[in-house]
Structure formats: structure tokens, C-alpha cells
Amino acid sequence: MLIEKLAGGVVQVQTPIGPRYVLPSSFLQRVYLLWMFRNFPILPHAVLSRRQQRMIDRLCTEQRFASTLYLVGADEAPVIGIVEQRPAVTNLPPRRPAASESRGLPAEARQQS
């Protein structure tokens, strides 16, 4: 199983729109990812070091980021590890009530209606 992960393993990244699979571009990246996931198969993005976070983010922004539908043999590809990447929850300001139509139209448009 270790040799299969080194030969063609992928990293699963949990996103708000579903799981995505990252294909490491080099053998050294696969070795480093195996080392990252040596103790735990699932890691939250927040517990990774800055270097590890940058590596995962860089892999996700490259063209080697695919969903299960587009990844040929996704069921057969060995998963090196899973990164839980959850969006940051931000406190949104309260919504303002919608303006009435007549206030939002220019004066010329109000005269025609």
C-alpha cells in the first residue's frame, strides 16, 4: 500500500462544494505528504504548519485539482491523506431593508411611470 501511495497517491481536500482530489506533481511531494499524514489520516487545514498549508494551497490552485467525477479511477487511486478545509465563518453585518422602487429610480424614470 505504501508503494502504491508513492507511485500514484492523491490527497483528498474537503471543500464546501464537496471532496476534491489533488494530484501531487512529483515523487518528493508524495513523500512529504506521506510524512505529513504519518500519524493521522485526516488533518484540519488549521493544524498544518505554514509551509504545509502553502503546499496544499499551491497544489489546489494548480491545474491538478479535480473532483471525483473528472478523476479517472478515483475509486482505485490510493488516498495519501485527507485535509479538512473549511471556510472561515465571518460575522456579516445585519441586512438593511430593501429600498423602495421609487426612491431607487432617477427622477426622469419616476415621471414616466
Protein backbone atom coordinates (compact mmCIF):
# COMPACT_ATOMS: atom_id res chain seq x y z
CA MET A 1 0.00 0.00 0.00
CA LEU A 2 2.87 2.39 0.76
CA ILE A 3 4.42 1.83 -2.65
CA GLU A 4 1.05 2.45 -4.34
CA LYS A 5 0.70 5.76 -2.49
CA LEU A 6 4.20 6.76 -3.53
CA ALA A 7 3.58 5.78 -7.14
CA GLY A 8 0.21 7.47 -7.69
CA GLY A 9 -1.38 8.66 -4.48
CA VAL A 10 -3.75 11.60 -4.22
CA VAL A 11 -4.71 13.93 -1.36
CA GLN A 12 -8.39 14.45 -0.67
CA VAL A 13 -9.34 18.01 0.25
CA GLN A 14 -12.74 18.59 1.85
CA THR A 15 -14.29 21.78 0.47
CA PRO A 16 -17.71 23.38 0.90
CA ILE A 17 -18.72 22.05 -2.52
CA GLY A 18 -17.55 18.52 -1.85
CA PRO A 19 -14.35 16.49 -1.83
CA ARG A 20 -11.66 17.28 -4.34
CA TYR A 21 -8.57 15.28 -5.15
CA VAL A 22 -5.14 16.83 -5.51
CA LEU A 23 -2.57 15.06 -7.64
CA PRO A 24 0.96 15.78 -6.35
CA SER A 25 3.21 16.67 -9.24
CA SER A 26 6.39 15.00 -8.03
CA PHE A 27 7.64 12.00 -6.14
CA LEU A 28 9.14 14.27 -3.46
CA GLN A 29 5.75 15.90 -2.85
CA ARG A 30 4.22 12.45 -2.33
CA VAL A 31 6.99 11.55 0.15
CA TYR A 32 6.42 14.81 2.05
CA LEU A 33 2.65 14.23 2.09
CA LEU A 34 3.14 10.68 3.40
CA TRP A 35 5.27 12.15 6.17
CA MET A 36 2.58 14.77 6.94
CA PHE A 37 -0.09 12.08 7.33
CA ARG A 38 2.12 9.54 9.09
CA ASN A 39 0.16 9.63 12.37
CA PHE A 40 -3.31 10.79 11.35
CA PRO A 41 -5.14 10.07 8.08
CA ILE A 42 -7.30 13.22 8.45
CA LEU A 43 -5.91 16.65 9.36
CA PRO A 44 -7.67 20.01 9.61
CA HIS A 45 -6.06 22.72 7.49
CA ALA A 46 -5.57 24.86 10.62
CA VAL A 47 -3.22 22.38 12.34
CA LEU A 48 -0.81 22.23 9.43
CA SER A 49 2.33 24.35 9.55
CA ARG A 50 2.51 27.42 7.30
CA ARG A 51 4.77 25.53 4.91
CA GLN A 52 2.32 22.62 4.74
CA GLN A 53 -0.64 24.98 4.29
CA ARG A 54 1.15 26.75 1.44
CA MET A 55 1.93 23.43 -0.20
CA ILE A 56 -1.69 22.26 -0.03
CA ASP A 57 -2.95 25.66 -1.23
CA ARG A 58 -0.43 25.66 -4.08
CA LEU A 59 -1.45 22.15 -5.11
CA CYS A 60 -5.12 23.18 -5.03
CA THR A 61 -4.53 26.24 -7.22
CA GLU A 62 -2.58 24.31 -9.84
CA GLN A 63 -4.40 22.58 -12.67
CA ARG A 64 -4.03 19.22 -10.91
CA PHE A 65 -7.17 19.74 -8.80
CA ALA A 66 -10.11 17.53 -9.84
CA SER A 67 -13.41 16.31 -8.47
CA THR A 68 -14.24 12.62 -8.29
CA LEU A 69 -16.27 12.86 -11.48
CA TYR A 70 -13.31 14.02 -13.54
CA LEU A 71 -10.63 11.90 -11.91
CA VAL A 72 -10.25 8.69 -13.86
CA GLY A 73 -10.12 5.75 -11.47
CA ALA A 74 -10.80 7.87 -8.37
CA ASP A 75 -12.03 4.79 -6.53
CA GLU A 76 -8.80 2.97 -7.33
CA ALA A 77 -6.34 5.83 -6.61
CA PRO A 78 -4.81 5.44 -3.13
CA VAL A 79 -5.55 8.40 -0.85
CA ILE A 80 -2.44 9.60 0.98
CA GLY A 81 -4.47 11.67 3.42
CA ILE A 82 -7.47 13.95 3.87
CA VAL A 83 -7.29 17.69 4.56
CA GLU A 84 -10.37 19.23 6.14
CA GLN A 85 -10.51 22.68 4.64
CA ARG A 86 -13.46 24.59 5.99
CA PRO A 87 -14.31 28.18 5.08
CA ALA A 88 -13.76 30.78 7.74
CA VAL A 89 -17.01 31.89 9.34
CA THR A 90 -17.31 35.65 9.17
CA ASN A 91 -19.85 37.74 11.00
CA LEU A 92 -21.83 39.54 8.36
CA PRO A 93 -23.39 42.91 9.15
CA PRO A 94 -27.18 42.87 9.52
CA ARG A 95 -29.04 43.28 6.27
CA ARG A 96 -30.60 46.63 5.54
CA PRO A 97 -34.20 46.71 4.38
CA ALA A 98 -34.60 46.96 0.61
CA ALA A 99 -35.15 50.46 -0.74
CA SER A 100 -38.49 51.17 -2.36
CA GLU A 101 -38.56 51.27 -6.15
CA SER A 102 -39.47 54.93 -6.43
CA ARG A 103 -36.50 56.02 -4.29
CA GLY A 104 -34.06 53.96 -6.35
CA LEU A 105 -35.16 55.32 -9.79
CA PRO A 106 -33.85 58.52 -11.33
CA ALA A 107 -36.25 61.46 -11.48
CA GLU A 108 -36.89 61.05 -15.24
CA ALA A 109 -37.92 57.42 -14.83
CA ARG A 110 -40.28 58.29 -11.95
CA GLN A 111 -42.11 60.87 -14.10
CA GLN A 112 -42.72 58.32 -16.86
CA SER A 113 -44.18 55.67 -14.52
